[in-house]
């Protein structure tokens, strides 16, 4: 197998399986820090918006021109909208009433969140893989953004499952499985879609990935970050995340 494909698969796997980091955090700490969650989600949104508008969409413009790149961007945005509409998921702590639910409902919550996150992670895995094939540095930048984003998702899966069952192994396993969807998405992409890749298709893909990233940021990360009640922290962390991404892109050029 080509070394570039192996690198792309490795990068995608690391990003996807970062849910296990969140799982460990969820199992160690009895009460999740809402301030930490608000900062991380806002920061991740800034990173994703930064990589989309500073790198991915400009590359799509270069290959396709404004109209086609814009259409691809909107398609990517709508693609994630459809997934999120039919299979939404929430973060632990977003609704404080969760602690008052029965163990059975808590377990169901954790399992449904795991399934929802897994489905969301599948196109993210495809996006990371394709970006890594095009440019390893860009792929790593996207993988870092997705990895940070996946940490609170790992908490969202492991915490309710552990509270419901008291079984750390089961809680960790479900969190792990939700992250496995990303490397699976990458493997399917490598096996079935990679042979058709050319400059034009790559332009569509990069623009579409930008749309996916912007949707995740606007519809999921920023609103949830603000829902924790820290009015200015999400905006501050968003600016920090965007600045960090801009600086990293300058350094890797």
Protein backbone atom coordinates (compact mmCIF):
# COMPACT_ATOMS: atom_id res chain seq x y z
CA UNK A 1 0.00 0.00 0.00
CA UNK A 2 1.24 3.51 -0.86
CA UNK A 3 3.00 5.23 2.06
CA UNK A 4 0.85 8.37 1.55
CA UNK A 5 -2.32 6.29 2.02
CA UNK A 6 -0.89 4.68 5.15
CA UNK A 7 -0.02 8.10 6.59
CA UNK A 8 -3.52 9.36 5.81
CA UNK A 9 -5.09 6.31 7.49
CA UNK A 10 -2.87 6.76 10.55
CA UNK A 11 -3.69 10.47 10.85
CA UNK A 12 -7.43 9.74 10.54
CA UNK A 13 -7.25 6.93 13.10
CA UNK A 14 -5.52 9.14 15.66
CA UNK A 15 -8.14 11.86 15.17
CA UNK A 16 -11.05 9.44 15.46
CA UNK A 17 -9.77 7.50 18.44
CA UNK A 18 -9.17 10.66 20.45
CA UNK A 19 -12.69 9.94 21.75
CA UNK A 20 -10.88 7.54 24.09
CA UNK A 21 -9.08 10.51 25.69
CA UNK A 22 -12.46 12.00 26.47
CA UNK A 23 -13.58 8.62 27.74
CA UNK A 24 -10.70 8.49 30.23
CA UNK A 25 -11.48 12.05 31.37
CA UNK A 26 -15.14 11.12 31.82
CA UNK A 27 -14.20 8.07 33.91
CA UNK A 28 -11.65 9.87 36.10
CA UNK A 29 -13.64 12.97 36.97
CA UNK A 30 -17.00 12.48 38.65
CA UNK A 31 -18.28 15.87 37.56
CA UNK A 32 -17.35 17.32 34.19
CA UNK A 33 -16.15 20.94 34.12
CA UNK A 34 -18.67 22.99 32.17
CA UNK A 35 -16.12 25.80 31.90
CA UNK A 36 -13.63 23.40 30.33
CA UNK A 37 -16.27 22.12 27.91
CA UNK A 38 -17.30 25.66 26.94
CA UNK A 39 -13.68 26.63 26.23
CA UNK A 40 -12.79 23.47 24.30
CA UNK A 41 -15.87 23.59 22.08
CA UNK A 42 -15.42 27.29 21.30
CA UNK A 43 -11.71 26.75 20.63
CA UNK A 44 -12.45 23.82 18.30
CA UNK A 45 -15.01 25.91 16.39
CA UNK A 46 -12.36 28.58 15.84
CA UNK A 47 -9.88 25.97 14.60
CA UNK A 48 -12.42 24.50 12.18
CA UNK A 49 -13.53 27.86 10.80
CA UNK A 50 -9.87 28.86 10.44
CA UNK A 51 -8.84 25.75 8.50
CA UNK A 52 -11.95 26.07 6.32
CA UNK A 53 -11.58 29.71 5.28
CA UNK A 54 -7.80 30.06 5.40
CA UNK A 55 -6.90 26.82 3.63
CA UNK A 56 -9.60 24.44 2.35
CA UNK A 57 -11.98 26.78 0.56
CA UNK A 58 -9.16 28.83 -1.05
CA UNK A 59 -7.72 25.59 -2.43
CA UNK A 60 -11.14 24.70 -3.82
CA UNK A 61 -11.40 28.15 -5.41
CA UNK A 62 -8.03 27.64 -7.04
CA UNK A 63 -9.09 24.37 -8.66
CA UNK A 64 -12.74 25.15 -9.51
CA UNK A 65 -13.40 28.87 -9.56
CA UNK A 66 -15.87 30.70 -7.33
CA UNK A 67 -19.18 29.25 -8.56
CA UNK A 68 -18.28 25.55 -8.48
CA UNK A 69 -16.37 25.87 -5.22
CA UNK A 70 -19.32 27.70 -3.69
CA UNK A 71 -21.74 24.99 -4.81
CA UNK A 72 -19.47 22.29 -3.38
CA UNK A 73 -19.25 24.23 -0.10
CA UNK A 74 -23.06 24.41 0.17
CA UNK A 75 -23.40 20.71 -0.69
CA UNK A 76 -20.99 19.82 2.13
CA UNK A 77 -22.91 22.08 4.51
CA UNK A 78 -26.28 20.55 3.56
CA UNK A 79 -24.85 17.03 3.76
CA UNK A 80 -24.00 17.49 7.43
CA UNK A 81 -27.31 19.28 8.02
CA UNK A 82 -29.23 16.22 6.79
CA UNK A 83 -27.17 13.87 8.99
CA UNK A 84 -27.59 16.09 12.03
CA UNK A 85 -31.30 16.61 11.41
CA UNK A 86 -32.11 12.91 11.39
CA UNK A 87 -29.44 11.77 13.89
CA UNK A 88 -28.62 14.58 16.36
CA UNK A 89 -26.39 14.10 19.39
CA UNK A 90 -25.68 16.06 22.55
CA UNK A 91 -22.75 16.61 24.88
CA UNK A 92 -22.76 15.54 28.50
CA UNK A 93 -23.57 18.50 30.72
CA UNK A 94 -25.49 20.30 27.98
CA UNK A 95 -28.68 19.35 29.80
CA UNK A 96 -28.09 19.29 33.53
CA UNK A 97 -31.29 17.30 34.13
CA UNK A 98 -29.51 14.22 32.86
CA UNK A 99 -28.28 13.48 36.40
CA UNK A 100 -31.90 13.08 37.55
CA UNK A 101 -32.74 10.34 35.04
CA UNK A 102 -32.94 6.66 35.88
CA UNK A 103 -30.02 4.34 35.20
CA UNK A 104 -31.90 2.79 32.29
CA UNK A 105 -32.45 6.15 30.64
CA UNK A 106 -28.85 7.16 31.31
CA UNK A 107 -27.59 4.01 29.60
CA UNK A 108 -29.88 4.59 26.63
CA UNK A 109 -28.64 8.19 26.45
CA UNK A 110 -25.02 7.06 26.33
CA UNK A 111 -25.66 4.43 23.67
CA UNK A 112 -27.69 6.76 21.45
CA UNK A 113 -25.02 9.44 21.78
CA UNK A 114 -22.38 6.86 20.80
CA UNK A 115 -24.36 5.86 17.69
CA UNK A 116 -25.01 9.50 16.76
CA UNK A 117 -21.36 10.46 17.20
CA UNK A 118 -20.27 7.42 15.19
CA UNK A 119 -22.45 8.46 12.25
CA UNK A 120 -21.20 12.04 12.50
CA UNK A 121 -17.60 10.80 12.61
CA UNK A 122 -17.89 8.80 9.39
CA UNK A 123 -17.79 11.81 6.99
CA UNK A 124 -15.21 13.47 9.25
CA UNK A 125 -12.98 10.45 8.66
CA UNK A 126 -13.45 10.79 4.91
CA UNK A 127 -12.60 14.50 5.12
CA UNK A 128 -9.43 13.93 7.15
CA UNK A 129 -8.29 11.12 4.85
CA UNK A 130 -8.82 13.07 1.62
CA UNK A 131 -7.09 16.16 3.03
CA UNK A 132 -4.13 14.06 4.18
CA UNK A 133 -3.81 12.51 0.71
CA UNK A 134 -3.74 15.99 -0.83
CA UNK A 135 -1.36 17.50 1.72
CA UNK A 136 -0.17 15.77 4.90
CA UNK A 137 0.26 19.08 6.73
CA UNK A 138 -3.28 20.16 5.92
CA UNK A 139 -4.53 16.71 6.95
CA UNK A 140 -2.72 16.98 10.27
CA UNK A 141 -4.23 20.42 10.89
CA UNK A 142 -7.73 19.05 10.26
CA UNK A 143 -7.01 15.96 12.35
CA UNK A 144 -5.95 18.13 15.29
CA UNK A 145 -9.19 20.11 15.06
CA UNK A 146 -11.29 16.94 14.88
CA UNK A 147 -9.29 15.28 17.68
CA UNK A 148 -9.95 18.22 20.02
CA UNK A 149 -13.60 18.11 18.97
CA UNK A 150 -13.76 14.37 19.70
CA UNK A 151 -12.50 14.63 23.28
CA UNK A 152 -15.74 16.09 24.72
CA UNK A 153 -17.64 13.64 22.52
CA UNK A 154 -15.80 10.81 24.28
CA UNK A 155 -16.93 12.27 27.60
CA UNK A 156 -20.49 12.46 26.26
CA UNK A 157 -20.47 8.71 25.62
CA UNK A 158 -18.52 7.30 28.57
CA UNK A 159 -19.93 9.38 31.44
CA UNK A 160 -23.62 8.36 31.19
CA UNK A 161 -22.78 4.72 30.40
CA UNK A 162 -20.47 4.52 33.42
CA UNK A 163 -22.97 6.26 35.72
CA UNK A 164 -25.68 3.84 34.59
CA UNK A 165 -23.69 0.59 34.73
CA UNK A 166 -20.69 1.26 36.98
CA UNK A 167 -18.67 -0.63 34.36
CA UNK A 168 -15.58 1.30 33.26
CA UNK A 169 -14.72 -1.22 30.54
CA UNK A 170 -18.16 -0.98 28.93
CA UNK A 171 -18.09 2.84 29.08
CA UNK A 172 -14.64 2.94 27.48
CA UNK A 173 -15.63 0.40 24.80
CA UNK A 174 -18.63 2.41 23.62
CA UNK A 175 -16.56 5.56 23.48
CA UNK A 176 -13.90 3.70 21.50
CA UNK A 177 -16.46 2.31 19.04
CA UNK A 178 -17.92 5.77 18.38
CA UNK A 179 -14.45 6.95 17.32
CA UNK A 180 -13.73 3.89 15.14
CA UNK A 181 -16.22 5.26 12.60
CA UNK A 182 -13.60 7.78 11.42
CA UNK A 183 -10.91 5.29 10.33
CA UNK A 184 -13.69 3.11 8.83
CA UNK A 185 -14.75 6.12 6.74
CA UNK A 186 -11.14 6.56 5.68
CA UNK A 187 -10.72 2.89 4.74
CA UNK A 188 -13.90 2.88 2.63
CA UNK A 189 -12.71 6.06 0.93
CA UNK A 190 -9.32 4.49 0.18
CA UNK A 191 -10.84 1.31 -1.23
CA UNK A 192 -13.68 2.68 -3.34
CA UNK A 193 -13.30 6.43 -3.96
CA UNK A 194 -9.56 7.09 -4.18
CA UNK A 195 -9.12 5.62 -7.70
CA UNK A 196 -11.41 8.33 -9.09
CA UNK A 197 -9.50 11.23 -7.51
CA UNK A 198 -8.26 14.03 -9.81
CA UNK A 199 -7.66 17.79 -9.49
CA UNK A 200 -11.29 18.76 -10.18
CA UNK A 201 -12.78 16.18 -7.84
CA UNK A 202 -10.23 17.17 -5.20
CA UNK A 203 -11.37 20.79 -5.52
CA UNK A 204 -14.98 19.73 -4.94
CA UNK A 205 -13.96 17.59 -1.97
CA UNK A 206 -11.89 20.30 -0.27
CA UNK A 207 -14.67 22.87 -0.72
CA UNK A 208 -17.22 20.34 0.56
CA UNK A 209 -15.05 19.59 3.59
CA UNK A 210 -14.98 23.33 4.32
CA UNK A 211 -18.79 23.31 4.27
CA UNK A 212 -18.86 20.33 6.65
CA UNK A 213 -16.48 22.08 9.06
CA UNK A 214 -18.47 25.32 9.04
CA UNK A 215 -21.72 23.47 9.70
CA UNK A 216 -20.23 21.61 12.67
CA UNK A 217 -18.93 24.91 14.06
CA UNK A 218 -22.09 26.99 13.57
CA UNK A 219 -24.76 24.40 14.32
CA UNK A 220 -23.06 22.35 17.00
CA UNK A 221 -19.91 23.67 18.63
CA UNK A 222 -20.62 27.37 19.15
CA UNK A 223 -24.28 27.01 20.30
CA UNK A 224 -23.39 24.19 22.71
CA UNK A 225 -20.38 26.11 23.99
CA UNK A 226 -22.59 29.10 24.78
CA UNK A 227 -25.27 26.89 26.35
CA UNK A 228 -23.04 26.31 29.38
CA UNK A 229 -23.67 29.91 30.47
CA UNK A 230 -20.25 31.52 30.05
CA UNK A 231 -21.31 34.34 27.73
CA UNK A 232 -17.90 35.63 26.56
CA UNK A 233 -15.71 32.55 27.06
CA UNK A 234 -16.91 30.76 23.89
CA UNK A 235 -16.17 33.83 21.74
CA UNK A 236 -12.76 34.31 23.35
CA UNK A 237 -11.85 30.66 22.88
CA UNK A 238 -13.17 30.82 19.29
CA UNK A 239 -10.81 33.70 18.49
CA UNK A 240 -7.93 31.87 20.19
CA UNK A 241 -8.66 28.72 18.17
CA UNK A 242 -8.81 30.64 14.89
CA UNK A 243 -5.57 32.46 15.74
CA UNK A 244 -3.80 29.22 16.60
CA UNK A 245 -4.90 27.67 13.31
CA UNK A 246 -3.81 30.74 11.32
CA UNK A 247 -0.41 30.70 13.03
CA UNK A 248 0.03 26.97 12.42
CA UNK A 249 -0.80 27.36 8.73
CA UNK A 250 1.75 30.18 8.44
CA UNK A 251 4.40 28.02 10.11
CA UNK A 252 3.82 24.95 7.90
CA UNK A 253 3.91 26.87 4.60
